Amino acid sequence: MDPRYKQANKEAKLSLLLTFIYLIGWIVCAYFVGDSIGLLGFPLWFELSCIMVPLGFILLCWIIVKFQFKNIPLEQTK
């Protein structure tokens, strides 16, 4: 089996996992956090689900792309 397919499959699974992590994080912060006021003056659920989770997710995506994704050639090799 071509190693490019293995790498592409690994990257697709990681991307799907990151999508589910983001969705779960957003739902938990949006629906299960109280209505207290956060540091920026918004409701805490809003600050966490719409500001902090996306920022954390950007960092997590950068880490995954930096250390798990590989630059592979797309041309056919013999």
C-alpha atoms as a PDB file:
ATOM      1  CA  MET A   1       0.000   0.000   0.000  1.00  0.00           C
ATOM      2  CA  ASP A   2       1.201   3.464  -0.890  1.00  0.00           C
ATOM      3  CA  PRO A   3       2.380   5.310   2.261  1.00  0.00           C
ATOM      4  CA  ARG A   4       0.663   8.456   1.009  1.00  0.00           C
ATOM      5  CA  TYR A   5      -2.708   6.779   1.540  1.00  0.00           C
ATOM      6  CA  LYS A   6      -1.785   5.881   5.115  1.00  0.00           C
ATOM      7  CA  GLN A   7      -0.743   9.470   5.839  1.00  0.00           C
ATOM      8  CA  ALA A   8      -3.859  10.905   4.165  1.00  0.00           C
ATOM      9  CA  ASN A   9      -6.064   8.515   6.154  1.00  0.00           C
ATOM     10  CA  LYS A  10      -4.311   9.493   9.407  1.00  0.00           C
ATOM     11  CA  GLU A  11      -4.748  13.202   8.641  1.00  0.00           C
ATOM     12  CA  ALA A  12      -8.438  12.723   7.777  1.00  0.00           C
ATOM     13  CA  LYS A  13      -9.058  10.882  11.060  1.00  0.00           C
ATOM     14  CA  LEU A  14      -7.247  13.602  13.019  1.00  0.00           C
ATOM     15  CA  SER A  15      -9.308  16.282  11.272  1.00  0.00           C
ATOM     16  CA  LEU A  16     -12.535  14.495  12.129  1.00  0.00           C
ATOM     17  CA  LEU A  17     -11.396  14.054  15.737  1.00  0.00           C
ATOM     18  CA  LEU A  18     -10.588  17.771  15.979  1.00  0.00           C
ATOM     19  CA  THR A  19     -14.051  18.581  14.622  1.00  0.00           C
ATOM     20  CA  PHE A  20     -15.718  16.466  17.313  1.00  0.00           C
ATOM     21  CA  ILE A  21     -13.516  17.943  20.045  1.00  0.00           C
ATOM     22  CA  TYR A  22     -14.495  21.463  18.954  1.00  0.00           C
ATOM     23  CA  LEU A  23     -18.180  20.574  18.807  1.00  0.00           C
ATOM     24  CA  ILE A  24     -18.160  18.960  22.250  1.00  0.00           C
ATOM     25  CA  GLY A  25     -16.177  21.854  23.743  1.00  0.00           C
ATOM     26  CA  TRP A  26     -18.541  24.412  22.280  1.00  0.00           C
ATOM     27  CA  ILE A  27     -21.662  22.558  23.462  1.00  0.00           C
ATOM     28  CA  VAL A  28     -20.303  22.084  26.988  1.00  0.00           C
ATOM     29  CA  CYS A  29     -19.348  25.747  27.314  1.00  0.00           C
ATOM     30  CA  ALA A  30     -22.519  27.082  25.697  1.00  0.00           C
ATOM     31  CA  TYR A  31     -25.073  24.958  27.508  1.00  0.00           C
ATOM     32  CA  PHE A  32     -23.543  23.805  30.795  1.00  0.00           C
ATOM     33  CA  VAL A  33     -21.824  26.945  32.103  1.00  0.00           C
ATOM     34  CA  GLY A  34     -23.701  29.405  34.308  1.00  0.00           C
ATOM     35  CA  ASP A  35     -24.859  32.915  33.496  1.00  0.00           C
ATOM     36  CA  SER A  36     -22.229  34.703  35.556  1.00  0.00           C
ATOM     37  CA  ILE A  37     -20.265  37.570  34.040  1.00  0.00           C
ATOM     38  CA  GLY A  38     -16.845  36.777  32.561  1.00  0.00           C
ATOM     39  CA  LEU A  39     -13.641  38.803  32.406  1.00  0.00           C
ATOM     40  CA  LEU A  40     -14.642  40.762  29.303  1.00  0.00           C
ATOM     41  CA  GLY A  41     -18.090  41.698  30.606  1.00  0.00           C
ATOM     42  CA  PHE A  42     -19.996  39.154  28.528  1.00  0.00           C
ATOM     43  CA  PRO A  43     -21.862  36.191  30.002  1.00  0.00           C
ATOM     44  CA  LEU A  44     -19.382  33.466  30.908  1.00  0.00           C
ATOM     45  CA  TRP A  45     -20.987  30.904  28.575  1.00  0.00           C
ATOM     46  CA  PHE A  46     -20.494  33.311  25.645  1.00  0.00           C
ATOM     47  CA  GLU A  47     -16.881  34.109  26.500  1.00  0.00           C
ATOM     48  CA  LEU A  48     -15.985  30.449  26.812  1.00  0.00           C
ATOM     49  CA  SER A  49     -17.888  29.086  23.812  1.00  0.00           C
ATOM     50  CA  CYS A  50     -17.300  31.946  21.372  1.00  0.00           C
ATOM     51  CA  ILE A  51     -13.909  33.342  22.411  1.00  0.00           C
ATOM     52  CA  MET A  52     -11.867  30.918  24.514  1.00  0.00           C
ATOM     53  CA  VAL A  53     -12.796  27.618  22.846  1.00  0.00           C
ATOM     54  CA  PRO A  54     -12.000  28.930  19.334  1.00  0.00           C
ATOM     55  CA  LEU A  55      -8.671  30.372  20.527  1.00  0.00           C
ATOM     56  CA  GLY A  56      -7.759  27.099  22.225  1.00  0.00           C
ATOM     57  CA  PHE A  57      -8.865  25.190  19.167  1.00  0.00           C
ATOM     58  CA  ILE A  58      -6.679  27.316  16.900  1.00  0.00           C
ATOM     59  CA  LEU A  59      -3.712  26.454  19.123  1.00  0.00           C
ATOM     60  CA  LEU A  60      -4.646  22.760  19.129  1.00  0.00           C
ATOM     61  CA  CYS A  61      -4.981  22.735  15.324  1.00  0.00           C
ATOM     62  CA  TRP A  62      -1.596  24.418  14.943  1.00  0.00           C
ATOM     63  CA  ILE A  63       0.005  21.772  17.187  1.00  0.00           C
ATOM     64  CA  ILE A  64      -1.615  18.909  15.266  1.00  0.00           C
ATOM     65  CA  VAL A  65      -0.632  20.324  11.866  1.00  0.00           C
ATOM     66  CA  LYS A  66       2.917  21.097  13.024  1.00  0.00           C
ATOM     67  CA  PHE A  67       3.652  17.675  14.505  1.00  0.00           C
ATOM     68  CA  GLN A  68       1.301  15.171  12.806  1.00  0.00           C
ATOM     69  CA  PHE A  69       0.685  16.355   9.256  1.00  0.00           C
ATOM     70  CA  LYS A  70       3.397  15.780   6.658  1.00  0.00           C
ATOM     71  CA  ASN A  71       4.112  17.406   3.351  1.00  0.00           C
ATOM     72  CA  ILE A  72       3.857  14.584   0.822  1.00  0.00           C
ATOM     73  CA  PRO A  73       4.299  14.683  -2.959  1.00  0.00           C
ATOM     74  CA  LEU A  74       1.102  14.274  -4.953  1.00  0.00           C
ATOM     75  CA  GLU A  75       2.779  13.005  -8.138  1.00  0.00           C
ATOM     76  CA  GLN A  76       2.806   9.316  -8.876  1.00  0.00           C
ATOM     77  CA  THR A  77       6.010   7.579  -7.878  1.00  0.00           C
ATOM     78  CA  LYS A  78       7.322   4.459  -9.537  1.00  0.00           C
END
